Amino acid sequence: QVQLVESGGGLVQAGGSLRLSCAASGRTFSTYAMAWFRQAPGKEREIVAAISWSGGRLSYADSVKGRFTCSRDNAKNTVYLQMNSLKPEDTAVYFCAAVLISPNRVVPIRADEYEYWGQGTQVTVSS
């Protein structure tokens, strides 16, 4: 079992920045691929960023490329999402997710490929 707890959400003006953190506990964090998803009201959950167990492979949604940066610190069992140049359309609940995969596998980007989920943190961007 892996427990995930997100933090760092809040209210920010357009153009501002936030850094989300996801702290993991339980089994060996470094063997898990991690991802950030988001879900806005009335919309489906969508991938924001995914990162391999080593941090060497990253995948981003087109809508956040160049603005968001995903990273992880396996020594701290934590994954981060640095969000810059925020837009009102980034408003959503952001979820951290984890799945145990072998190092050679492509990092998953579909929600149904992830096994463990955090409770989510609200990000609201005002115009």
N, C-alpha and C. Protein backbone atom coordinates (compact mmCIF):
# COMPACT_ATOMS: atom_id res chain seq x y z
N GLN A 1 0.83 -1.20 0.00
CA GLN A 1 0.00 0.00 0.00
C GLN A 1 0.87 1.24 0.00
N VAL A 2 0.40 2.25 -0.71
CA VAL A 2 1.05 3.55 -0.74
C VAL A 2 0.02 4.60 -0.39
N GLN A 3 0.37 5.48 0.53
CA GLN A 3 -0.50 6.59 0.88
C GLN A 3 0.09 7.86 0.30
N LEU A 4 -0.76 8.66 -0.32
CA LEU A 4 -0.32 9.90 -0.97
C LEU A 4 -1.08 11.08 -0.38
N VAL A 5 -0.34 12.13 -0.04
CA VAL A 5 -0.96 13.33 0.53
C VAL A 5 -0.45 14.54 -0.23
N GLU A 6 -1.37 15.24 -0.90
CA GLU A 6 -1.00 16.44 -1.64
C GLU A 6 -1.10 17.67 -0.75
N SER A 7 -0.30 18.67 -1.08
CA SER A 7 -0.37 19.97 -0.40
C SER A 7 0.11 21.05 -1.35
N GLY A 8 -0.16 22.30 -0.98
CA GLY A 8 0.37 23.41 -1.77
C GLY A 8 -0.65 24.11 -2.63
N GLY A 9 -1.87 23.60 -2.69
CA GLY A 9 -2.89 24.27 -3.48
C GLY A 9 -3.32 25.58 -2.85
N GLY A 10 -4.12 26.33 -3.58
CA GLY A 10 -4.60 27.60 -3.05
C GLY A 10 -5.15 28.48 -4.14
N LEU A 11 -5.35 29.75 -3.77
CA LEU A 11 -5.89 30.76 -4.69
C LEU A 11 -4.74 31.65 -5.14
N VAL A 12 -4.64 31.86 -6.44
CA VAL A 12 -3.57 32.68 -6.99
C VAL A 12 -4.11 33.46 -8.17
N GLN A 13 -3.55 34.61 -8.42
CA GLN A 13 -3.95 35.39 -9.58
C GLN A 13 -3.32 34.85 -10.85
N ALA A 14 -3.96 35.12 -11.97
CA ALA A 14 -3.40 34.71 -13.26
C ALA A 14 -1.99 35.28 -13.41
N GLY A 15 -1.10 34.43 -13.92
CA GLY A 15 0.29 34.81 -14.06
C GLY A 15 1.15 34.43 -12.87
N GLY A 16 0.52 34.02 -11.79
CA GLY A 16 1.24 33.65 -10.58
C GLY A 16 1.75 32.22 -10.62
N SER A 17 2.31 31.80 -9.49
CA SER A 17 2.92 30.48 -9.38
C SER A 17 2.47 29.77 -8.12
N LEU A 18 2.48 28.47 -8.18
CA LEU A 18 2.26 27.61 -7.02
C LEU A 18 3.14 26.39 -7.17
N ARG A 19 3.51 25.79 -6.04
CA ARG A 19 4.22 24.52 -6.08
C ARG A 19 3.43 23.50 -5.26
N LEU A 20 3.00 22.46 -5.92
CA LEU A 20 2.31 21.36 -5.25
C LEU A 20 3.33 20.31 -4.83
N SER A 21 3.04 19.70 -3.70
CA SER A 21 3.86 18.59 -3.22
C SER A 21 2.98 17.39 -2.98
N CYS A 22 3.55 16.22 -3.16
CA CYS A 22 2.85 14.97 -2.87
C CYS A 22 3.79 14.09 -2.06
N ALA A 23 3.45 13.90 -0.82
CA ALA A 23 4.26 13.08 0.07
C ALA A 23 3.73 11.66 0.07
N ALA A 24 4.61 10.71 -0.13
CA ALA A 24 4.22 9.30 -0.19
C ALA A 24 4.75 8.55 1.01
N SER A 25 3.97 7.61 1.49
CA SER A 25 4.40 6.73 2.57
C SER A 25 3.95 5.32 2.24
N GLY A 26 4.60 4.37 2.86
CA GLY A 26 4.24 2.99 2.61
C GLY A 26 5.41 2.25 1.99
N ARG A 27 5.20 1.70 0.82
CA ARG A 27 6.22 0.88 0.21
C ARG A 27 7.28 1.73 -0.49
N THR A 28 8.26 1.10 -1.07
CA THR A 28 9.41 1.78 -1.62
C THR A 28 9.01 2.77 -2.70
N PHE A 29 9.13 4.05 -2.37
CA PHE A 29 8.68 5.11 -3.25
C PHE A 29 9.43 5.12 -4.57
N SER A 30 10.70 4.83 -4.54
CA SER A 30 11.52 4.99 -5.73
C SER A 30 11.19 4.01 -6.83
N THR A 31 10.40 2.99 -6.56
CA THR A 31 10.05 2.02 -7.59
C THR A 31 8.72 2.35 -8.27
N TYR A 32 8.15 3.48 -7.92
CA TYR A 32 6.85 3.86 -8.44
C TYR A 32 6.96 4.99 -9.46
N ALA A 33 6.24 4.85 -10.57
CA ALA A 33 6.02 5.99 -11.44
C ALA A 33 4.96 6.87 -10.77
N MET A 34 5.10 8.17 -10.94
CA MET A 34 4.19 9.12 -10.30
C MET A 34 3.59 10.04 -11.35
N ALA A 35 2.45 10.60 -11.04
CA ALA A 35 1.82 11.51 -11.99
C ALA A 35 0.96 12.52 -11.25
N TRP A 36 0.72 13.62 -11.92
CA TRP A 36 -0.26 14.60 -11.48
C TRP A 36 -1.40 14.62 -12.49
N PHE A 37 -2.61 14.55 -11.98
CA PHE A 37 -3.81 14.70 -12.78
C PHE A 37 -4.58 15.89 -12.24
N ARG A 38 -5.53 16.37 -13.01
CA ARG A 38 -6.41 17.42 -12.52
C ARG A 38 -7.82 17.19 -13.05
N GLN A 39 -8.77 17.71 -12.29
CA GLN A 39 -10.16 17.57 -12.68
C GLN A 39 -10.90 18.86 -12.35
N ALA A 40 -11.42 19.49 -13.38
CA ALA A 40 -12.22 20.70 -13.22
C ALA A 40 -13.69 20.31 -13.14
N PRO A 41 -14.54 21.15 -12.56
CA PRO A 41 -15.96 20.82 -12.43
C PRO A 41 -16.58 20.52 -13.79
N GLY A 42 -17.28 19.40 -13.87
CA GLY A 42 -17.95 19.02 -15.09
C GLY A 42 -17.06 18.44 -16.16
N LYS A 43 -15.80 18.26 -15.85
CA LYS A 43 -14.86 17.73 -16.84
C LYS A 43 -14.25 16.42 -16.35
N GLU A 44 -13.68 15.67 -17.28
CA GLU A 44 -13.01 14.42 -16.93
C GLU A 44 -11.63 14.70 -16.33
N ARG A 45 -11.16 13.75 -15.57
CA ARG A 45 -9.82 13.85 -15.02
C ARG A 45 -8.80 13.75 -16.16
N GLU A 46 -7.81 14.62 -16.15
CA GLU A 46 -6.83 14.63 -17.23
C GLU A 46 -5.42 14.64 -16.69
N ILE A 47 -4.52 14.07 -17.47
CA ILE A 47 -3.11 14.04 -17.09
C ILE A 47 -2.53 15.45 -17.17
N VAL A 48 -1.69 15.77 -16.21
CA VAL A 48 -0.94 17.02 -16.23
C VAL A 48 0.54 16.71 -16.51
N ALA A 49 1.09 15.79 -15.71
CA ALA A 49 2.49 15.41 -15.88
C ALA A 49 2.71 14.04 -15.27
N ALA A 50 3.66 13.32 -15.83
CA ALA A 50 4.02 12.01 -15.30
C ALA A 50 5.54 11.92 -15.27
N ILE A 51 6.05 11.19 -14.27
CA ILE A 51 7.50 11.10 -14.10
C ILE A 51 7.88 9.67 -13.76
N SER A 52 8.96 9.20 -14.37
CA SER A 52 9.43 7.85 -14.12
C SER A 52 10.03 7.73 -12.72
N TRP A 53 10.31 6.50 -12.31
CA TRP A 53 10.81 6.25 -10.96
C TRP A 53 12.14 6.95 -10.72
N SER A 54 12.95 7.08 -11.79
CA SER A 54 14.25 7.73 -11.64
C SER A 54 14.18 9.24 -11.82
N GLY A 55 13.06 9.71 -12.35
CA GLY A 55 12.95 11.13 -12.66
C GLY A 55 13.50 11.49 -14.02
N GLY A 56 14.04 10.49 -14.73
CA GLY A 56 14.68 10.77 -16.01
C GLY A 56 13.74 10.88 -17.18
N ARG A 57 12.54 10.36 -17.02
CA ARG A 57 11.56 10.44 -18.11
C ARG A 57 10.34 11.20 -17.62
N LEU A 58 9.95 12.18 -18.42
CA LEU A 58 8.84 13.04 -18.06
C LEU A 58 7.87 13.15 -19.23
N SER A 59 6.63 13.36 -18.90
CA SER A 59 5.62 13.57 -19.93
C SER A 59 4.69 14.67 -19.42
N TYR A 60 4.35 15.60 -20.31
CA TYR A 60 3.48 16.71 -19.94
C TYR A 60 2.31 16.83 -20.90
N ALA A 61 1.19 17.29 -20.38
CA ALA A 61 0.08 17.65 -21.25
C ALA A 61 0.49 18.87 -22.06
N ASP A 62 0.02 18.95 -23.30
CA ASP A 62 0.37 20.08 -24.17
C ASP A 62 -0.01 21.41 -23.53
N SER A 63 -1.09 21.41 -22.79
CA SER A 63 -1.61 22.65 -22.22
C SER A 63 -0.72 23.24 -21.14
N VAL A 64 0.20 22.44 -20.60
CA VAL A 64 1.06 22.94 -19.52
C VAL A 64 2.53 22.96 -19.87
N LYS A 65 2.88 22.47 -21.05
CA LYS A 65 4.29 22.45 -21.45
C LYS A 65 4.88 23.85 -21.45
N GLY A 66 6.06 23.98 -20.87
CA GLY A 66 6.72 25.27 -20.79
C GLY A 66 6.31 26.09 -19.58
N ARG A 67 5.26 25.67 -18.88
CA ARG A 67 4.79 26.39 -17.69
C ARG A 67 4.93 25.57 -16.42
N PHE A 68 4.71 24.27 -16.53
CA PHE A 68 4.74 23.39 -15.36
C PHE A 68 5.99 22.51 -15.42
N THR A 69 6.53 22.20 -14.24
CA THR A 69 7.67 21.30 -14.14
C THR A 69 7.43 20.29 -13.04
N CYS A 70 7.54 19.03 -13.40
CA CYS A 70 7.37 17.94 -12.45
C CYS A 70 8.74 17.41 -12.05
N SER A 71 8.92 17.14 -10.78
CA SER A 71 10.19 16.58 -10.31
C SER A 71 9.91 15.69 -9.10
N ARG A 72 10.92 14.95 -8.70
CA ARG A 72 10.74 14.08 -7.52
C ARG A 72 12.04 14.00 -6.76
N ASP A 73 11.90 13.78 -5.47
CA ASP A 73 13.03 13.58 -4.57
C ASP A 73 12.78 12.26 -3.87
N ASN A 74 13.43 11.20 -4.35
CA ASN A 74 13.17 9.87 -3.79
C ASN A 74 13.67 9.76 -2.34
N ALA A 75 14.65 10.55 -1.97
CA ALA A 75 15.14 10.53 -0.59
C ALA A 75 14.08 11.07 0.37
N LYS A 76 13.22 11.96 -0.14
CA LYS A 76 12.16 12.54 0.69
C LYS A 76 10.80 11.93 0.40
N ASN A 77 10.75 10.95 -0.49
CA ASN A 77 9.47 10.32 -0.86
C ASN A 77 8.44 11.36 -1.30
N THR A 78 8.89 12.30 -2.10
CA THR A 78 8.02 13.41 -2.49
C THR A 78 8.15 13.70 -3.98
N VAL A 79 7.02 14.01 -4.59
CA VAL A 79 6.99 14.47 -5.97
C VAL A 79 6.40 15.88 -5.97
N TYR A 80 6.89 16.69 -6.87
CA TYR A 80 6.51 18.10 -6.91
C TYR A 80 5.93 18.48 -8.27
N LEU A 81 5.12 19.53 -8.26
CA LEU A 81 4.65 20.13 -9.50
C LEU A 81 4.78 21.64 -9.35
N GLN A 82 5.78 22.20 -10.01
CA GLN A 82 5.96 23.64 -10.02
C GLN A 82 5.12 24.21 -11.15
N MET A 83 4.21 25.10 -10.80
CA MET A 83 3.29 25.66 -11.78
C MET A 83 3.53 27.16 -11.89
N ASN A 84 3.97 27.59 -13.06
CA ASN A 84 4.22 29.00 -13.32
C ASN A 84 3.26 29.52 -14.39
N SER A 85 3.17 30.82 -14.49
CA SER A 85 2.31 31.46 -15.49
C SER A 85 0.92 30.85 -15.49
N LEU A 86 0.36 30.74 -14.31
CA LEU A 86 -0.94 30.09 -14.18
C LEU A 86 -2.04 30.87 -14.88
N LYS A 87 -2.99 30.11 -15.43
CA LYS A 87 -4.12 30.68 -16.16
C LYS A 87 -5.42 30.26 -15.47
N PRO A 88 -6.49 31.02 -15.67
CA PRO A 88 -7.78 30.62 -15.07
C PRO A 88 -8.20 29.20 -15.47
N GLU A 89 -7.84 28.78 -16.66
CA GLU A 89 -8.20 27.43 -17.11
C GLU A 89 -7.41 26.33 -16.40
N ASP A 90 -6.43 26.70 -15.61
CA ASP A 90 -5.72 25.71 -14.78
C ASP A 90 -6.47 25.40 -13.49
N THR A 91 -7.54 26.12 -13.24
CA THR A 91 -8.34 25.89 -12.03
C THR A 91 -8.91 24.48 -12.04
N ALA A 92 -8.63 23.73 -10.98
CA ALA A 92 -9.07 22.34 -10.87
C ALA A 92 -8.63 21.78 -9.53
N VAL A 93 -9.11 20.58 -9.24
CA VAL A 93 -8.55 19.81 -8.14
C VAL A 93 -7.40 18.99 -8.73
N TYR A 94 -6.24 19.08 -8.11
CA TYR A 94 -5.06 18.38 -8.59
C TYR A 94 -4.81 17.15 -7.72
N PHE A 95 -4.62 16.02 -8.40
CA PHE A 95 -4.41 14.75 -7.73
C PHE A 95 -3.03 14.19 -8.04
N CYS A 96 -2.44 13.59 -7.04
CA CYS A 96 -1.21 12.85 -7.20
C CYS A 96 -1.57 11.37 -7.33
N ALA A 97 -0.83 10.65 -8.17
CA ALA A 97 -1.11 9.23 -8.37
C ALA A 97 0.19 8.46 -8.49
N ALA A 98 0.12 7.16 -8.16
CA ALA A 98 1.31 6.31 -8.19
C ALA A 98 0.98 4.93 -8.71
N VAL A 99 1.95 4.32 -9.38
CA VAL A 99 1.80 2.94 -9.83
C VAL A 99 3.17 2.29 -9.81
N LEU A 100 3.20 1.03 -9.39
CA LEU A 100 4.44 0.27 -9.37
C LEU A 100 4.69 -0.30 -10.77
N ILE A 101 5.80 0.10 -11.39
CA ILE A 101 6.11 -0.41 -12.72
C ILE A 101 7.59 -0.73 -12.81
N SER A 102 7.96 -1.52 -13.79
CA SER A 102 9.37 -1.84 -14.00
C SER A 102 10.07 -0.63 -14.63
N PRO A 103 11.37 -0.47 -14.37
CA PRO A 103 12.08 0.72 -14.85
C PRO A 103 12.04 0.93 -16.35
N ASN A 104 11.90 -0.14 -17.14
CA ASN A 104 11.95 -0.02 -18.60
C ASN A 104 10.62 0.34 -19.23
N ARG A 105 9.57 0.33 -18.44
CA ARG A 105 8.25 0.61 -19.01
C ARG A 105 8.08 2.09 -19.29
N VAL A 106 7.29 2.39 -20.32
CA VAL A 106 6.92 3.77 -20.60
C VAL A 106 6.05 4.29 -19.45
N VAL A 107 6.29 5.51 -19.06
CA VAL A 107 5.53 6.07 -17.95
C VAL A 107 4.06 6.20 -18.35
N PRO A 108 3.15 5.64 -17.58
CA PRO A 108 1.73 5.71 -17.94
C PRO A 108 1.20 7.14 -17.89
N ILE A 109 0.20 7.41 -18.76
CA ILE A 109 -0.42 8.72 -18.75
C ILE A 109 -1.94 8.65 -18.63
N ARG A 110 -2.50 7.45 -18.55
CA ARG A 110 -3.95 7.30 -18.39
C ARG A 110 -4.27 7.10 -16.92
N ALA A 111 -5.37 7.69 -16.49
CA ALA A 111 -5.77 7.60 -15.08
C ALA A 111 -6.00 6.15 -14.66
N ASP A 112 -6.55 5.34 -15.56
CA ASP A 112 -6.87 3.96 -15.18
C ASP A 112 -5.63 3.08 -15.06
N GLU A 113 -4.47 3.62 -15.40
CA GLU A 113 -3.23 2.87 -15.24
C GLU A 113 -2.61 3.08 -13.86
N TYR A 114 -3.15 4.00 -13.09
CA TYR A 114 -2.58 4.31 -11.77
C TYR A 114 -3.36 3.62 -10.67
N GLU A 115 -2.63 3.14 -9.68
CA GLU A 115 -3.23 2.31 -8.64
C GLU A 115 -3.56 3.10 -7.37
N TYR A 116 -2.72 4.05 -7.05
CA TYR A 116 -2.89 4.77 -5.78
C TYR A 116 -3.12 6.26 -6.06
N TRP A 117 -3.99 6.85 -5.26
CA TRP A 117 -4.37 8.24 -5.47
C TRP A 117 -4.39 8.99 -4.15
N GLY A 118 -4.03 10.28 -4.22
CA GLY A 118 -4.21 11.16 -3.09
C GLY A 118 -5.62 11.72 -3.07
N GLN A 119 -5.90 12.55 -2.06
CA GLN A 119 -7.24 13.08 -1.89
C GLN A 119 -7.48 14.33 -2.73
N GLY A 120 -6.42 14.91 -3.26
CA GLY A 120 -6.54 16.08 -4.12
C GLY A 120 -6.35 17.38 -3.37
N THR A 121 -5.89 18.39 -4.10
CA THR A 121 -5.74 19.73 -3.54
C THR A 121 -6.28 20.73 -4.57
N GLN A 122 -7.04 21.70 -4.07
CA GLN A 122 -7.71 22.65 -4.95
C GLN A 122 -6.74 23.75 -5.39
N VAL A 123 -6.72 24.01 -6.68
CA VAL A 123 -5.98 25.14 -7.24
C VAL A 123 -6.99 26.03 -7.95
N THR A 124 -7.04 27.29 -7.53
CA THR A 124 -7.95 28.25 -8.14
C THR A 124 -7.15 29.44 -8.65
N VAL A 125 -7.32 29.73 -9.93
CA VAL A 125 -6.60 30.84 -10.56
C VAL A 125 -7.61 31.90 -10.96
N SER A 126 -7.49 33.07 -10.39
CA SER A 126 -8.43 34.15 -10.67
C SER A 126 -7.90 35.02 -11.82
N SER A 127 -8.82 35.56 -12.58
CA SER A 127 -8.43 36.39 -13.74
C SER A 127 -8.28 37.86 -13.34
